[in-house]
Amino acid sequence: MQETMQALRGLQELDEDLFRVQQELERLPEERARRRAGITAMEEQVALLDRQLLEKRMRTKEVEDLTRAHRQRIRKLESEIMNARDGALVAAYQHETRSLKREISDAEEEGLGYVEEAEVLEAERNRLKAEIEREEEVFLEYTVNVDQELEAATRKRGELLALREERMSSSLQPDVLSKYERLLAAREGVALAALEGRICQVCFMEVPSNVFVRLARSTEIVTCPSCDRILYLLQ
């Protein structure tokens, strides 16, 4: 049994390295995707600001067209007033002129509001585009580093898997190896736990005396009652 435990401990040492490498292989693409998503979100915000900016400019153009048409109408009315002989008609023209001037004043105030809002939107849009440009430069450099780290991690995983294959074919019985593999998957890469005194050094729970005695006899595989990991005595 001592030979079996030594083989398991050697395998566990390899698997801890494998687990760390696998975490890197998963973490790096996830982090890269997260950063890309952040840039994409800013690009979508710029697109939204572009649409809002276009709307404000269209509204401003509508106001300009309206005021231009009103001013043309006022000039025509003023000409009609000068040539009119009917007092009632003159009064009507004058009333319409005053109404048009009020509408022009209101429209110009509204148009000024659109212009100011457009300036705010454009400033925010320009700020975001500059930030996107900076983030793209950082992301490009980060991507190069990630690719290099992924290549190194993939190579390391291959080396570890080859060494693991050698150790698995040593003195480990199929039932022991099967139990170890199940625990490895269920316990995030840590299937073994040292026992110091009567304390499991992974879950830090105290095991019953009979568990300690069974483990000390070194005649069977003993697991922690709390975390279910395979125990070994810490020398």
Protein backbone atom coordinates (compact mmCIF):
# COMPACT_ATOMS: atom_id res chain seq x y z
CA MET A 1 0.00 0.00 0.00
CA GLN A 2 2.91 2.34 0.64
CA GLU A 3 4.00 1.88 -2.95
CA THR A 4 0.46 2.68 -4.10
CA MET A 5 0.32 5.85 -2.00
CA GLN A 6 3.71 6.97 -3.30
CA ALA A 7 2.45 6.47 -6.86
CA LEU A 8 -0.73 8.40 -6.07
CA ARG A 9 1.22 11.24 -4.50
CA GLY A 10 3.49 11.43 -7.55
CA LEU A 11 0.42 11.47 -9.77
CA GLN A 12 -1.22 14.14 -7.63
CA GLU A 13 1.85 16.34 -7.89
CA LEU A 14 1.59 16.12 -11.67
CA ASP A 15 -2.16 16.70 -11.66
CA GLU A 16 -1.84 19.83 -9.54
CA ASP A 17 0.46 21.24 -12.21
CA LEU A 18 -1.94 20.06 -14.90
CA PHE A 19 -4.86 21.70 -13.13
CA ARG A 20 -3.00 25.01 -12.94
CA VAL A 21 -2.04 24.79 -16.61
CA GLN A 22 -5.61 23.94 -17.58
CA GLN A 23 -6.89 26.90 -15.58
CA GLU A 24 -4.54 29.16 -17.54
CA LEU A 25 -5.70 27.64 -20.81
CA GLU A 26 -9.27 28.48 -19.83
CA ARG A 27 -8.60 31.82 -18.11
CA LEU A 28 -6.54 33.45 -20.85
CA PRO A 29 -9.14 33.13 -23.66
CA GLU A 30 -11.89 34.15 -21.23
CA GLU A 31 -9.93 37.25 -20.20
CA ARG A 32 -9.21 38.07 -23.84
CA ALA A 33 -12.92 37.69 -24.68
CA ARG A 34 -13.85 39.89 -21.72
CA ARG A 35 -11.51 42.65 -22.90
CA ARG A 36 -12.79 42.36 -26.46
CA ALA A 37 -16.35 42.58 -25.17
CA GLY A 38 -15.46 45.76 -23.29
CA ILE A 39 -14.18 47.37 -26.49
CA THR A 40 -17.23 46.14 -28.41
CA ALA A 41 -19.50 47.70 -25.78
CA MET A 42 -17.75 51.05 -26.25
CA GLU A 43 -18.10 50.71 -30.03
CA GLU A 44 -21.82 50.08 -29.61
CA GLN A 45 -22.04 53.17 -27.40
CA VAL A 46 -20.32 55.21 -30.13
CA ALA A 47 -22.82 53.87 -32.68
CA LEU A 48 -25.67 54.92 -30.38
CA LEU A 49 -24.17 58.38 -29.96
CA ASP A 50 -23.82 58.63 -33.75
CA ARG A 51 -27.53 57.89 -34.15
CA GLN A 52 -28.46 60.41 -31.48
CA LEU A 53 -26.14 62.99 -33.03
CA LEU A 54 -27.69 62.43 -36.45
CA GLU A 55 -31.15 62.88 -34.97
CA LYS A 56 -30.15 66.18 -33.33
CA ARG A 57 -28.66 67.45 -36.60
CA MET A 58 -31.80 66.46 -38.50
CA ARG A 59 -33.92 68.31 -35.94
CA THR A 60 -31.64 71.33 -36.27
CA LYS A 61 -32.02 71.18 -40.07
CA GLU A 62 -35.81 70.99 -39.71
CA VAL A 63 -35.74 74.11 -37.51
CA GLU A 64 -33.53 75.93 -40.02
CA ASP A 65 -35.87 74.99 -42.89
CA LEU A 66 -38.90 76.11 -40.88
CA THR A 67 -37.41 79.46 -39.91
CA ARG A 68 -36.23 80.05 -43.50
CA ALA A 69 -39.73 79.38 -44.83
CA HIS A 70 -41.25 81.66 -42.16
CA ARG A 71 -38.85 84.49 -43.01
CA GLN A 72 -39.69 84.18 -46.68
CA ARG A 73 -43.36 84.33 -45.78
CA ILE A 74 -42.76 87.39 -43.61
CA ARG A 75 -40.99 89.19 -46.45
CA LYS A 76 -43.90 88.42 -48.72
CA LEU A 77 -46.39 89.63 -46.11
CA GLU A 78 -44.45 92.83 -45.59
CA SER A 79 -44.59 93.44 -49.33
CA GLU A 80 -48.31 92.73 -49.33
CA ILE A 81 -48.83 95.15 -46.42
CA MET A 82 -47.06 97.94 -48.30
CA ASN A 83 -49.31 97.47 -51.33
CA ALA A 84 -52.55 96.71 -49.50
CA ARG A 85 -55.39 99.25 -49.41
CA ASP A 86 -57.77 97.22 -47.24
CA GLY A 87 -57.23 97.96 -43.53
CA ALA A 88 -58.69 94.61 -42.44
CA LEU A 89 -56.35 92.79 -44.79
CA VAL A 90 -53.38 94.76 -43.50
CA ALA A 91 -54.33 93.86 -39.93
CA ALA A 92 -54.56 90.19 -40.88
CA TYR A 93 -51.17 90.32 -42.54
CA GLN A 94 -49.67 92.03 -39.52
CA HIS A 95 -51.22 89.43 -37.18
CA GLU A 96 -49.80 86.60 -39.28
CA THR A 97 -46.41 88.33 -39.34
CA ARG A 98 -46.34 88.59 -35.55
CA SER A 99 -47.33 84.93 -35.22
CA LEU A 100 -44.59 83.88 -37.62
CA LYS A 101 -41.98 85.92 -35.74
CA ARG A 102 -43.02 84.25 -32.46
CA GLU A 103 -42.75 80.83 -34.10
CA ILE A 104 -39.31 81.77 -35.46
CA SER A 105 -38.18 82.84 -31.99
CA ASP A 106 -39.48 79.62 -30.41
CA ALA A 107 -37.95 77.51 -33.19
CA GLU A 108 -34.57 79.22 -32.88
CA GLU A 109 -34.55 78.58 -29.13
CA GLU A 110 -35.44 74.95 -29.77
CA GLY A 111 -32.75 74.74 -32.45
CA LEU A 112 -30.15 76.20 -30.09
CA GLY A 113 -31.03 73.46 -27.62
CA TYR A 114 -30.47 70.82 -30.32
CA VAL A 115 -27.10 72.37 -31.20
CA GLU A 116 -25.97 72.34 -27.57
CA GLU A 117 -27.13 68.75 -27.12
CA ALA A 118 -25.30 67.78 -30.32
CA GLU A 119 -22.10 69.36 -29.02
CA VAL A 120 -22.33 67.32 -25.81
CA LEU A 121 -22.99 64.13 -27.78
CA GLU A 122 -20.12 64.80 -30.16
CA ALA A 123 -17.70 65.48 -27.31
CA GLU A 124 -18.66 62.19 -25.63
CA ARG A 125 -18.42 60.37 -28.95
CA ASN A 126 -14.93 61.75 -29.60
CA ARG A 127 -13.84 60.85 -26.06
CA LEU A 128 -15.04 57.28 -26.50
CA LYS A 129 -13.42 56.91 -29.92
CA ALA A 130 -10.09 58.07 -28.47
CA GLU A 131 -10.48 55.60 -25.60
CA ILE A 132 -11.30 52.80 -28.05
CA GLU A 133 -8.17 53.60 -30.03
CA ARG A 134 -6.05 53.36 -26.87
CA GLU A 135 -7.77 50.14 -25.78
CA GLU A 136 -7.26 48.60 -29.22
CA GLU A 137 -3.51 49.23 -28.96
CA VAL A 138 -3.40 47.66 -25.50
CA PHE A 139 -5.58 44.75 -26.66
CA LEU A 140 -3.32 44.06 -29.63
CA GLU A 141 -0.28 43.83 -27.36
CA TYR A 142 -2.23 41.74 -24.84
CA THR A 143 -3.38 39.35 -27.58
CA VAL A 144 0.22 38.76 -28.69
CA ASN A 145 1.18 37.95 -25.09
CA VAL A 146 -1.85 35.69 -24.65
CA ASP A 147 -1.01 33.74 -27.79
CA GLN A 148 2.53 33.20 -26.50
CA GLU A 149 1.28 32.13 -23.05
CA LEU A 150 -1.29 29.79 -24.58
CA GLU A 151 1.38 28.21 -26.75
CA ALA A 152 3.64 27.70 -23.74
CA ALA A 153 0.77 26.34 -21.60
CA THR A 154 -0.32 23.95 -24.35
CA ARG A 155 3.23 22.68 -24.71
CA LYS A 156 3.52 22.28 -20.92
CA ARG A 157 0.22 20.40 -20.77
CA GLY A 158 1.45 18.00 -23.45
CA GLU A 159 4.62 17.32 -21.48
CA LEU A 160 2.68 16.78 -18.25
CA LEU A 161 0.16 14.48 -19.91
CA ALA A 162 2.96 12.36 -21.36
CA LEU A 163 4.62 12.08 -17.94
CA ARG A 164 1.25 11.36 -16.35
CA GLU A 165 0.69 8.49 -18.76
CA GLU A 166 3.96 6.97 -17.64
CA ARG A 167 3.09 7.24 -13.94
CA MET A 168 -0.41 5.86 -14.44
CA SER A 169 1.01 2.70 -15.94
CA SER A 170 3.09 1.99 -12.83
CA SER A 171 1.83 0.17 -9.73
CA LEU A 172 -1.69 1.63 -9.57
CA GLN A 173 -4.56 -0.86 -9.61
CA PRO A 174 -7.52 0.01 -11.90
CA ASP A 175 -9.97 0.38 -9.00
CA VAL A 176 -7.62 2.71 -7.11
CA LEU A 177 -6.91 4.75 -10.22
CA SER A 178 -10.64 4.97 -10.98
CA LYS A 179 -11.37 6.27 -7.48
CA TYR A 180 -8.53 8.75 -7.73
CA GLU A 181 -9.76 10.01 -11.11
CA ARG A 182 -13.31 10.52 -9.80
CA LEU A 183 -12.05 12.49 -6.82
CA LEU A 184 -9.72 14.50 -9.04
CA ALA A 185 -12.67 15.63 -11.17
CA ALA A 186 -14.96 16.26 -8.22
CA ARG A 187 -12.42 18.09 -6.03
CA GLU A 188 -10.97 20.57 -8.53
CA GLY A 189 -7.71 18.76 -9.13
CA VAL A 190 -6.94 17.76 -5.53
CA ALA A 191 -7.77 14.10 -4.85
CA LEU A 192 -5.31 13.52 -1.97
CA ALA A 193 -5.06 15.14 1.44
CA ALA A 194 -2.33 14.91 4.05
CA LEU A 195 -3.30 13.98 7.59
CA GLU A 196 -1.32 15.71 10.33
CA GLY A 197 -2.21 14.44 13.76
CA ARG A 198 -5.90 13.83 13.12
CA ILE A 199 -6.46 16.97 11.03
CA CYS A 200 -7.07 16.78 7.29
CA GLN A 201 -4.82 19.41 5.74
CA VAL A 202 -7.27 20.23 2.95
CA CYS A 203 -10.64 20.58 4.67
CA PHE A 204 -9.06 21.04 8.16
CA MET A 205 -11.60 18.78 9.83
CA GLU A 206 -10.59 16.33 12.56
CA VAL A 207 -11.03 12.67 11.60
CA PRO A 208 -12.19 9.97 14.04
CA SER A 209 -9.56 7.86 15.81
CA ASN A 210 -10.44 4.72 13.85
CA VAL A 211 -9.71 6.56 10.57
CA PHE A 212 -6.27 7.50 11.86
CA VAL A 213 -5.61 3.91 12.99
CA ARG A 214 -6.69 2.46 9.62
CA LEU A 215 -4.45 4.90 7.81
CA ALA A 216 -1.50 4.12 10.08
CA ARG A 217 -1.86 0.41 9.32
CA SER A 218 -1.23 1.21 5.64
CA THR A 219 -3.25 -1.75 4.40
CA GLU A 220 -6.08 0.04 2.56
CA ILE A 221 -7.13 3.25 0.85
CA VAL A 222 -8.62 5.56 3.52
CA THR A 223 -10.63 8.66 2.71
CA CYS A 224 -11.46 11.73 4.77
CA PRO A 225 -15.02 11.52 6.17
CA SER A 226 -15.48 15.25 5.54
CA CYS A 227 -14.04 15.98 2.07
CA ASP A 228 -13.80 12.36 0.82
CA ARG A 229 -10.21 12.83 -0.39
CA ILE A 230 -7.72 9.98 -0.16
CA LEU A 231 -5.67 10.45 3.00
CA TYR A 232 -1.97 9.94 3.55
CA LEU A 233 0.08 10.50 6.68
CA LEU A 234 2.24 13.60 6.71
CA GLN A 235 5.72 12.41 7.64
